[in-house]
Amino acid sequence: MTPPSASVASAVPTRRPAAAQAHVAIRDLVYSYGRTEVLHGIDMDFAAGEVTAIIGPSGCGKSTLIKAVNRIAEVTSEVTVQGSVTVGDFDVYGPDVDLVELRRRVGMVFQRPNPFPKSIFDNVVFGPRLHGMTDRARLSEIVERSLRQAALWDEVCDRLHTNALQLSGGQQQRLCIARALAVEPDVVLMDEPCSALDPIATTRIEELIHELKSQYTIAIVTHNMQQAARVSDSTAFLYLGKLVEVDRTERIFTAPGCKETEDYVTGRFG
């Protein structure tokens, strides 16, 4: 079929109650790489205390959308942005934005695990050290809290000073999640975090996402329709850089409001 044309409990206490979280508001976002416009007027929210899944065929702008929230694409590309993105009351594209502070507030987990070639301990404390934390006892507390939140502590607590590259792929991805959590972000963005993992590791990451949403605002890009249905509260469908539809996940998968969405989630294209 021709694709249619488009018309979004541990010993160490957890960090803060869900009520303190910031939600993400994206308004009229137009995002371009050089002269190529990739996102066309996106208008949606990532709700606090929930998981928002972003689905759509390859090249539709899913990864660009979440990268726009912490401005990570600017590290390697020339970008132009119109519209606004806010994280709570923090204007992501406001004048004089401190990008280090922005990326503390908005953590990112990438498609493939990318631990640093350092010890497990040094991976987790990389962010806190970058922000000036030097107290060894406090750093140790952060490591335990973060690894517990990432459901990894029990597996690595007796080898914190071994090289992180010795971990399995699933463990490495959970370590990267712990590294993101160590700086106590408001928002956690995940760009296909399970695409390189086996089914068992994928299940553990999905369970972890479910546990973390009570403390963080989470957005996940995924090509896996079943995964989106399992882990998210809301789902956004993107096509050709446009937001076709965003709604509660159950509705998106059972009674979508747009035919384009129905065709995609039922496998008629994409």
C-alpha atoms as a PDB file:
ATOM      1  CA  MET A   1       0.000   0.000   0.000  1.00  0.00           C
ATOM      2  CA  THR A   2       1.252   3.477  -0.783  1.00  0.00           C
ATOM      3  CA  PRO A   3       1.877   5.464   2.423  1.00  0.00           C
ATOM      4  CA  PRO A   4      -0.711   8.162   2.942  1.00  0.00           C
ATOM      5  CA  SER A   5       0.165  11.812   3.031  1.00  0.00           C
ATOM      6  CA  ALA A   6       0.067  13.234   6.587  1.00  0.00           C
ATOM      7  CA  SER A   7      -2.772  15.788   7.394  1.00  0.00           C
ATOM      8  CA  VAL A   8       3.024  12.542  18.457  1.00  0.00           C
ATOM      9  CA  ALA A   9      12.480   0.876  47.054  1.00  0.00           C
ATOM     10  CA  SER A  10      15.796   1.018  48.059  1.00  0.00           C
ATOM     11  CA  ALA A  11      18.120   1.800  50.909  1.00  0.00           C
ATOM     12  CA  VAL A  12      18.952   5.096  49.323  1.00  0.00           C
ATOM     13  CA  PRO A  13      15.862   7.345  49.126  1.00  0.00           C
ATOM     14  CA  THR A  14      14.511   8.452  45.786  1.00  0.00           C
ATOM     15  CA  ARG A  15      14.993  12.015  44.690  1.00  0.00           C
ATOM     16  CA  ARG A  16      11.654  13.830  44.948  1.00  0.00           C
ATOM     17  CA  PRO A  17       7.880  13.340  44.741  1.00  0.00           C
ATOM     18  CA  ALA A  18       6.201  13.204  41.356  1.00  0.00           C
ATOM     19  CA  ALA A  19       4.435  16.500  42.016  1.00  0.00           C
ATOM     20  CA  ALA A  20       7.756  18.335  41.719  1.00  0.00           C
ATOM     21  CA  GLN A  21       8.354  17.225  38.138  1.00  0.00           C
ATOM     22  CA  ALA A  22       8.377  19.544  35.172  1.00  0.00           C
ATOM     23  CA  HIS A  23       6.375  18.830  32.071  1.00  0.00           C
ATOM     24  CA  VAL A  24       7.618  19.660  28.584  1.00  0.00           C
ATOM     25  CA  ALA A  25       5.631  22.015  26.367  1.00  0.00           C
ATOM     26  CA  ILE A  26       6.486  22.153  22.657  1.00  0.00           C
ATOM     27  CA  ARG A  27       4.789  24.952  20.743  1.00  0.00           C
ATOM     28  CA  ASP A  28       4.820  25.548  16.979  1.00  0.00           C
ATOM     29  CA  LEU A  29       8.257  23.956  16.694  1.00  0.00           C
ATOM     30  CA  VAL A  30       9.882  24.270  13.286  1.00  0.00           C
ATOM     31  CA  TYR A  31      13.304  22.615  13.228  1.00  0.00           C
ATOM     32  CA  SER A  32      15.790  22.608  10.363  1.00  0.00           C
ATOM     33  CA  TYR A  33      19.180  21.084   9.680  1.00  0.00           C
ATOM     34  CA  GLY A  34      20.847  23.647   7.470  1.00  0.00           C
ATOM     35  CA  ARG A  35      18.229  24.472   4.833  1.00  0.00           C
ATOM     36  CA  THR A  36      16.290  21.228   5.314  1.00  0.00           C
ATOM     37  CA  GLU A  37      13.171  21.629   7.446  1.00  0.00           C
ATOM     38  CA  VAL A  38      12.676  18.420   9.417  1.00  0.00           C
ATOM     39  CA  LEU A  39       9.871  19.312  11.841  1.00  0.00           C
ATOM     40  CA  HIS A  40       6.898  21.390  10.714  1.00  0.00           C
ATOM     41  CA  GLY A  41       5.021  23.210  13.461  1.00  0.00           C
ATOM     42  CA  ILE A  42       4.980  20.561  16.208  1.00  0.00           C
ATOM     43  CA  ASP A  43       2.637  21.391  19.097  1.00  0.00           C
ATOM     44  CA  MET A  44       2.463  18.869  21.964  1.00  0.00           C
ATOM     45  CA  ASP A  45       3.377  18.129  25.589  1.00  0.00           C
ATOM     46  CA  PHE A  46       5.264  15.476  27.522  1.00  0.00           C
ATOM     47  CA  ALA A  47       3.219  15.162  30.721  1.00  0.00           C
ATOM     48  CA  ALA A  48       4.880  14.997  34.137  1.00  0.00           C
ATOM     49  CA  GLY A  49       4.809  11.556  35.713  1.00  0.00           C
ATOM     50  CA  GLU A  50       3.989   9.852  32.421  1.00  0.00           C
ATOM     51  CA  VAL A  51       5.692   8.157  29.499  1.00  0.00           C
ATOM     52  CA  THR A  52       5.084   9.644  26.064  1.00  0.00           C
ATOM     53  CA  ALA A  53       5.909   7.366  23.137  1.00  0.00           C
ATOM     54  CA  ILE A  54       6.811   8.881  19.771  1.00  0.00           C
ATOM     55  CA  ILE A  55       6.162   6.606  16.814  1.00  0.00           C
ATOM     56  CA  GLY A  56       6.346   6.880  13.052  1.00  0.00           C
ATOM     57  CA  PRO A  57       8.307   5.521  10.080  1.00  0.00           C
ATOM     58  CA  SER A  58      12.042   6.054   9.699  1.00  0.00           C
ATOM     59  CA  GLY A  59      12.991   9.588   8.777  1.00  0.00           C
ATOM     60  CA  CYS A  60       9.798  11.198  10.057  1.00  0.00           C
ATOM     61  CA  GLY A  61      11.554  13.357  12.672  1.00  0.00           C
ATOM     62  CA  LYS A  62      11.081  11.316  15.866  1.00  0.00           C
ATOM     63  CA  SER A  63      14.677  11.516  17.074  1.00  0.00           C
ATOM     64  CA  THR A  64      14.967  15.136  16.013  1.00  0.00           C
ATOM     65  CA  LEU A  65      11.936  15.970  18.154  1.00  0.00           C
ATOM     66  CA  ILE A  66      13.459  14.711  21.387  1.00  0.00           C
ATOM     67  CA  LYS A  67      16.902  16.076  20.500  1.00  0.00           C
ATOM     68  CA  ALA A  68      15.258  19.484  20.176  1.00  0.00           C
ATOM     69  CA  VAL A  69      14.290  19.302  23.843  1.00  0.00           C
ATOM     70  CA  ASN A  70      17.874  19.227  25.157  1.00  0.00           C
ATOM     71  CA  ARG A  71      19.528  20.769  22.076  1.00  0.00           C
ATOM     72  CA  ILE A  72      21.963  17.883  21.699  1.00  0.00           C
ATOM     73  CA  ALA A  73      21.819  18.015  17.874  1.00  0.00           C
ATOM     74  CA  GLU A  74      23.589  21.365  17.987  1.00  0.00           C
ATOM     75  CA  VAL A  75      26.764  19.597  19.079  1.00  0.00           C
ATOM     76  CA  THR A  76      27.315  18.184  15.584  1.00  0.00           C
ATOM     77  CA  SER A  77      24.929  20.030  13.247  1.00  0.00           C
ATOM     78  CA  GLU A  78      23.944  23.514  12.174  1.00  0.00           C
ATOM     79  CA  VAL A  79      20.310  23.932  13.176  1.00  0.00           C
ATOM     80  CA  THR A  80      17.626  26.594  12.913  1.00  0.00           C
ATOM     81  CA  VAL A  81      14.704  26.657  15.329  1.00  0.00           C
ATOM     82  CA  GLN A  82      11.412  28.510  15.404  1.00  0.00           C
ATOM     83  CA  GLY A  83       8.742  28.162  18.066  1.00  0.00           C
ATOM     84  CA  SER A  84       9.369  27.304  21.702  1.00  0.00           C
ATOM     85  CA  VAL A  85      10.216  24.445  24.042  1.00  0.00           C
ATOM     86  CA  THR A  86       9.860  24.777  27.802  1.00  0.00           C
ATOM     87  CA  VAL A  87      10.733  22.376  30.597  1.00  0.00           C
ATOM     88  CA  GLY A  88       8.630  23.548  33.490  1.00  0.00           C
ATOM     89  CA  ASP A  89       9.398  27.260  33.577  1.00  0.00           C
ATOM     90  CA  PHE A  90      12.779  26.818  31.845  1.00  0.00           C
ATOM     91  CA  ASP A  91      12.854  28.274  28.306  1.00  0.00           C
ATOM     92  CA  VAL A  92      15.040  25.845  26.349  1.00  0.00           C
ATOM     93  CA  TYR A  93      15.686  28.333  23.524  1.00  0.00           C
ATOM     94  CA  GLY A  94      15.703  31.484  25.633  1.00  0.00           C
ATOM     95  CA  PRO A  95      18.538  33.994  25.522  1.00  0.00           C
ATOM     96  CA  ASP A  96      21.685  33.116  27.472  1.00  0.00           C
ATOM     97  CA  VAL A  97      20.609  29.527  28.131  1.00  0.00           C
ATOM     98  CA  ASP A  98      23.237  27.526  30.009  1.00  0.00           C
ATOM     99  CA  LEU A  99      23.438  24.340  27.926  1.00  0.00           C
ATOM    100  CA  VAL A 100      25.202  22.444  30.712  1.00  0.00           C
ATOM    101  CA  GLU A 101      22.321  23.234  33.061  1.00  0.00           C
ATOM    102  CA  LEU A 102      19.786  22.372  30.348  1.00  0.00           C
ATOM    103  CA  ARG A 103      21.338  18.950  29.851  1.00  0.00           C
ATOM    104  CA  ARG A 104      21.341  18.413  33.596  1.00  0.00           C
ATOM    105  CA  ARG A 105      17.602  19.029  33.633  1.00  0.00           C
ATOM    106  CA  VAL A 106      16.993  16.956  30.499  1.00  0.00           C
ATOM    107  CA  GLY A 107      18.848  13.631  30.371  1.00  0.00           C
ATOM    108  CA  MET A 108      19.297  11.594  27.210  1.00  0.00           C
ATOM    109  CA  VAL A 109      19.666   7.855  26.625  1.00  0.00           C
ATOM    110  CA  PHE A 110      20.711   6.880  23.118  1.00  0.00           C
ATOM    111  CA  GLN A 111      19.883   4.011  20.799  1.00  0.00           C
ATOM    112  CA  ARG A 112      23.062   2.072  21.492  1.00  0.00           C
ATOM    113  CA  PRO A 113      24.636   1.858  24.941  1.00  0.00           C
ATOM    114  CA  ASN A 114      27.528   4.320  25.114  1.00  0.00           C
ATOM    115  CA  PRO A 115      29.328   3.865  28.434  1.00  0.00           C
ATOM    116  CA  PHE A 116      32.637   5.656  28.769  1.00  0.00           C
ATOM    117  CA  PRO A 117      35.757   3.423  28.838  1.00  0.00           C
ATOM    118  CA  LYS A 118      35.983   4.012  32.575  1.00  0.00           C
ATOM    119  CA  SER A 119      34.873   2.188  35.694  1.00  0.00           C
ATOM    120  CA  ILE A 120      31.200   1.737  36.514  1.00  0.00           C
ATOM    121  CA  PHE A 121      31.664   4.206  39.395  1.00  0.00           C
ATOM    122  CA  ASP A 122      33.297   6.839  37.183  1.00  0.00           C
ATOM    123  CA  ASN A 123      30.565   6.493  34.569  1.00  0.00           C
ATOM    124  CA  VAL A 124      27.833   7.260  37.080  1.00  0.00           C
ATOM    125  CA  VAL A 125      29.608  10.199  38.731  1.00  0.00           C
ATOM    126  CA  PHE A 126      30.702  11.811  35.465  1.00  0.00           C
ATOM    127  CA  GLY A 127      27.819  14.302  35.507  1.00  0.00           C
ATOM    128  CA  PRO A 128      27.969  15.194  39.210  1.00  0.00           C
ATOM    129  CA  ARG A 129      31.718  15.766  38.907  1.00  0.00           C
ATOM    130  CA  LEU A 130      31.137  17.953  35.856  1.00  0.00           C
ATOM    131  CA  HIS A 131      28.823  20.056  38.019  1.00  0.00           C
ATOM    132  CA  GLY A 132      31.472  20.443  40.732  1.00  0.00           C
ATOM    133  CA  MET A 133      30.682  17.584  43.118  1.00  0.00           C
ATOM    134  CA  THR A 134      33.907  16.354  44.742  1.00  0.00           C
ATOM    135  CA  ASP A 135      32.867  14.870  48.100  1.00  0.00           C
ATOM    136  CA  ARG A 136      33.655  11.148  47.873  1.00  0.00           C
ATOM    137  CA  ALA A 137      30.981  10.079  50.364  1.00  0.00           C
ATOM    138  CA  ARG A 138      28.309  12.051  48.511  1.00  0.00           C
ATOM    139  CA  LEU A 139      29.477  10.644  45.184  1.00  0.00           C
ATOM    140  CA  SER A 140      29.204   7.131  46.596  1.00  0.00           C
ATOM    141  CA  GLU A 141      25.633   7.857  47.701  1.00  0.00           C
ATOM    142  CA  ILE A 142      24.801   9.123  44.203  1.00  0.00           C
ATOM    143  CA  VAL A 143      26.252   5.979  42.633  1.00  0.00           C
ATOM    144  CA  GLU A 144      24.176   3.689  44.835  1.00  0.00           C
ATOM    145  CA  ARG A 145      20.974   5.706  44.385  1.00  0.00           C
ATOM    146  CA  SER A 146      21.359   5.929  40.619  1.00  0.00           C
ATOM    147  CA  LEU A 147      22.262   2.276  40.136  1.00  0.00           C
ATOM    148  CA  ARG A 148      19.332   1.226  42.307  1.00  0.00           C
ATOM    149  CA  GLN A 149      16.991   3.427  40.286  1.00  0.00           C
ATOM    150  CA  ALA A 150      18.360   1.784  37.133  1.00  0.00           C
ATOM    151  CA  ALA A 151      17.840  -1.710  38.632  1.00  0.00           C
ATOM    152  CA  LEU A 152      21.562  -2.433  38.321  1.00  0.00           C
ATOM    153  CA  TRP A 153      22.943  -2.079  41.862  1.00  0.00           C
ATOM    154  CA  ASP A 154      22.524  -5.706  42.923  1.00  0.00           C
ATOM    155  CA  GLU A 155      24.361  -6.893  39.809  1.00  0.00           C
ATOM    156  CA  VAL A 156      27.394  -4.597  40.057  1.00  0.00           C
ATOM    157  CA  CYS A 157      27.709  -3.417  43.684  1.00  0.00           C
ATOM    158  CA  ASP A 158      30.766  -5.625  44.259  1.00  0.00           C
ATOM    159  CA  ARG A 159      32.614  -4.480  41.117  1.00  0.00           C
ATOM    160  CA  LEU A 160      32.061  -0.731  40.876  1.00  0.00           C
ATOM    161  CA  HIS A 161      35.679  -0.139  39.907  1.00  0.00           C
ATOM    162  CA  THR A 162      35.774  -2.571  36.977  1.00  0.00           C
ATOM    163  CA  ASN A 163      35.578  -1.286  33.416  1.00  0.00           C
ATOM    164  CA  ALA A 164      32.005  -0.594  32.325  1.00  0.00           C
ATOM    165  CA  LEU A 165      32.746  -2.078  28.906  1.00  0.00           C
ATOM    166  CA  GLN A 166      32.857  -5.518  30.554  1.00  0.00           C
ATOM    167  CA  LEU A 167      29.115  -5.352  31.220  1.00  0.00           C
ATOM    168  CA  SER A 168      26.563  -7.006  28.947  1.00  0.00           C
ATOM    169  CA  GLY A 169      24.676  -4.860  26.436  1.00  0.00           C
ATOM    170  CA  GLY A 170      21.578  -4.670  28.614  1.00  0.00           C
ATOM    171  CA  GLN A 171      23.640  -3.813  31.676  1.00  0.00           C
ATOM    172  CA  GLN A 172      25.485  -1.128  29.730  1.00  0.00           C
ATOM    173  CA  GLN A 173      22.198   0.475  28.726  1.00  0.00           C
ATOM    174  CA  ARG A 174      20.976   0.457  32.323  1.00  0.00           C
ATOM    175  CA  LEU A 175      24.312   1.991  33.318  1.00  0.00           C
ATOM    176  CA  CYS A 176      23.717   4.770  30.779  1.00  0.00           C
ATOM    177  CA  ILE A 177      20.293   5.317  32.345  1.00  0.00           C
ATOM    178  CA  ALA A 178      21.923   5.479  35.794  1.00  0.00           C
ATOM    179  CA  ARG A 179      24.425   7.998  34.440  1.00  0.00           C
ATOM    180  CA  ALA A 180      21.563  10.165  33.193  1.00  0.00           C
ATOM    181  CA  LEU A 181      19.741   9.908  36.543  1.00  0.00           C
ATOM    182  CA  ALA A 182      22.825  10.773  38.605  1.00  0.00           C
ATOM    183  CA  VAL A 183      22.409  14.530  37.984  1.00  0.00           C
ATOM    184  CA  GLU A 184      18.740  14.410  39.070  1.00  0.00           C
ATOM    185  CA  PRO A 185      17.110  15.542  35.815  1.00  0.00           C
ATOM    186  CA  ASP A 186      13.506  16.603  35.453  1.00  0.00           C
ATOM    187  CA  VAL A 187      13.078  14.857  32.105  1.00  0.00           C
ATOM    188  CA  VAL A 188      14.545  11.661  30.625  1.00  0.00           C
ATOM    189  CA  LEU A 189      14.556  11.271  26.844  1.00  0.00           C
ATOM    190  CA  MET A 190      15.118   7.818  25.337  1.00  0.00           C
ATOM    191  CA  ASP A 191      15.917   7.312  21.655  1.00  0.00           C
ATOM    192  CA  GLU A 192      15.059   3.682  20.851  1.00  0.00           C
ATOM    193  CA  PRO A 193      16.831   2.454  24.009  1.00  0.00           C
ATOM    194  CA  CYS A 194      16.050  -1.214  23.352  1.00  0.00           C
ATOM    195  CA  SER A 195      16.744  -1.493  19.627  1.00  0.00           C
ATOM    196  CA  ALA A 196      20.180  -3.089  20.160  1.00  0.00           C
ATOM    197  CA  LEU A 197      19.099  -5.372  23.010  1.00  0.00           C
ATOM    198  CA  ASP A 198      17.849  -8.951  23.257  1.00  0.00           C
ATOM    199  CA  PRO A 199      14.277  -9.677  24.437  1.00  0.00           C
ATOM    200  CA  ILE A 200      15.276 -10.328  28.062  1.00  0.00           C
ATOM    201  CA  ALA A 201      17.230  -7.080  28.332  1.00  0.00           C
ATOM    202  CA  THR A 202      14.397  -5.257  26.569  1.00  0.00           C
ATOM    203  CA  THR A 203      11.909  -6.510  29.152  1.00  0.00           C
ATOM    204  CA  ARG A 204      14.114  -5.236  31.980  1.00  0.00           C
ATOM    205  CA  ILE A 205      14.424  -1.790  30.389  1.00  0.00           C
ATOM    206  CA  GLU A 206      10.648  -1.619  29.866  1.00  0.00           C
ATOM    207  CA  GLU A 207      10.037  -2.570  33.500  1.00  0.00           C
ATOM    208  CA  LEU A 208      12.519   0.103  34.524  1.00  0.00           C
ATOM    209  CA  ILE A 209      10.736   2.761  32.438  1.00  0.00           C
ATOM    210  CA  HIS A 210       7.479   1.874  34.173  1.00  0.00           C
ATOM    211  CA  GLU A 211       9.122   2.264  37.602  1.00  0.00           C
ATOM    212  CA  LEU A 212      10.845   5.557  36.749  1.00  0.00           C
ATOM    213  CA  LYS A 213       7.808   7.395  35.425  1.00  0.00           C
ATOM    214  CA  SER A 214       6.583   8.134  38.949  1.00  0.00           C
ATOM    215  CA  GLN A 215       9.674  10.290  39.400  1.00  0.00           C
ATOM    216  CA  TYR A 216      10.483  11.610  35.934  1.00  0.00           C
ATOM    217  CA  THR A 217       8.849  12.952  32.823  1.00  0.00           C
ATOM    218  CA  ILE A 218       9.823  10.403  30.144  1.00  0.00           C
ATOM    219  CA  ALA A 219       9.656  10.476  26.350  1.00  0.00           C
ATOM    220  CA  ILE A 220      10.660   7.441  24.311  1.00  0.00           C
ATOM    221  CA  VAL A 221      11.164   7.094  20.573  1.00  0.00           C
ATOM    222  CA  THR A 222      10.403   3.592  19.361  1.00  0.00           C
ATOM    223  CA  HIS A 223       9.761   1.713  16.134  1.00  0.00           C
ATOM    224  CA  ASN A 224       8.191  -1.118  18.113  1.00  0.00           C
ATOM    225  CA  MET A 225       4.414  -0.714  18.242  1.00  0.00           C
ATOM    226  CA  GLN A 226       4.047  -3.365  20.943  1.00  0.00           C
ATOM    227  CA  GLN A 227       6.633  -1.589  23.067  1.00  0.00           C
ATOM    228  CA  ALA A 228       4.874   1.753  22.679  1.00  0.00           C
ATOM    229  CA  ALA A 229       1.610   0.124  23.744  1.00  0.00           C
ATOM    230  CA  ARG A 230       3.246  -1.545  26.758  1.00  0.00           C
ATOM    231  CA  VAL A 231       5.271   1.312  28.243  1.00  0.00           C
ATOM    232  CA  SER A 232       3.535   4.594  27.405  1.00  0.00           C
ATOM    233  CA  ASP A 233       0.611   6.598  28.720  1.00  0.00           C
ATOM    234  CA  SER A 234       0.355   8.841  25.639  1.00  0.00           C
ATOM    235  CA  THR A 235       1.503   8.255  22.073  1.00  0.00           C
ATOM    236  CA  ALA A 236       2.330  10.724  19.332  1.00  0.00           C
ATOM    237  CA  PHE A 237       2.383   9.689  15.664  1.00  0.00           C
ATOM    238  CA  LEU A 238       4.721  11.652  13.397  1.00  0.00           C
ATOM    239  CA  TYR A 239       4.814  11.423   9.617  1.00  0.00           C
ATOM    240  CA  LEU A 240       6.938  13.484   7.229  1.00  0.00           C
ATOM    241  CA  GLY A 241       7.906  15.826  10.035  1.00  0.00           C
ATOM    242  CA  LYS A 242       4.328  16.607  11.048  1.00  0.00           C
ATOM    243  CA  LEU A 243       2.416  15.611  14.144  1.00  0.00           C
ATOM    244  CA  VAL A 244      -0.494  13.631  12.775  1.00  0.00           C
ATOM    245  CA  GLU A 245      -2.073  12.723  16.098  1.00  0.00           C
ATOM    246  CA  VAL A 246      -1.328  12.568  19.816  1.00  0.00           C
ATOM    247  CA  ASP A 247      -3.651  10.947  22.342  1.00  0.00           C
ATOM    248  CA  ARG A 248      -3.806   8.447  25.179  1.00  0.00           C
ATOM    249  CA  THR A 249      -1.987   5.310  24.106  1.00  0.00           C
ATOM    250  CA  GLU A 250      -5.004   3.018  24.429  1.00  0.00           C
ATOM    251  CA  ARG A 251      -6.987   5.243  22.095  1.00  0.00           C
ATOM    252  CA  ILE A 252      -4.169   5.537  19.558  1.00  0.00           C
ATOM    253  CA  PHE A 253      -3.999   1.758  19.281  1.00  0.00           C
ATOM    254  CA  THR A 254      -7.702   0.953  19.469  1.00  0.00           C
ATOM    255  CA  ALA A 255      -9.620   3.939  18.115  1.00  0.00           C
ATOM    256  CA  PRO A 256      -7.283   6.508  16.523  1.00  0.00           C
ATOM    257  CA  GLY A 257      -8.817   9.696  15.254  1.00  0.00           C
ATOM    258  CA  CYS A 258      -6.894   9.789  11.948  1.00  0.00           C
ATOM    259  CA  LYS A 259      -6.845   7.197   9.198  1.00  0.00           C
ATOM    260  CA  GLU A 260      -3.108   7.751   8.751  1.00  0.00           C
ATOM    261  CA  THR A 261      -2.550   6.703  12.363  1.00  0.00           C
ATOM    262  CA  GLU A 262      -4.756   3.636  11.975  1.00  0.00           C
ATOM    263  CA  ASP A 263      -2.898   2.600   8.827  1.00  0.00           C
ATOM    264  CA  TYR A 264       0.456   2.919  10.560  1.00  0.00           C
ATOM    265  CA  VAL A 265      -0.330   1.153  13.851  1.00  0.00           C
ATOM    266  CA  THR A 266      -2.041  -1.720  12.006  1.00  0.00           C
ATOM    267  CA  GLY A 267       0.968  -2.220   9.725  1.00  0.00           C
ATOM    268  CA  ARG A 268      -0.561  -1.079   6.462  1.00  0.00           C
ATOM    269  CA  PHE A 269       2.518   1.053   5.829  1.00  0.00           C
ATOM    270  CA  GLY A 270       5.800   2.021   7.472  1.00  0.00           C
END
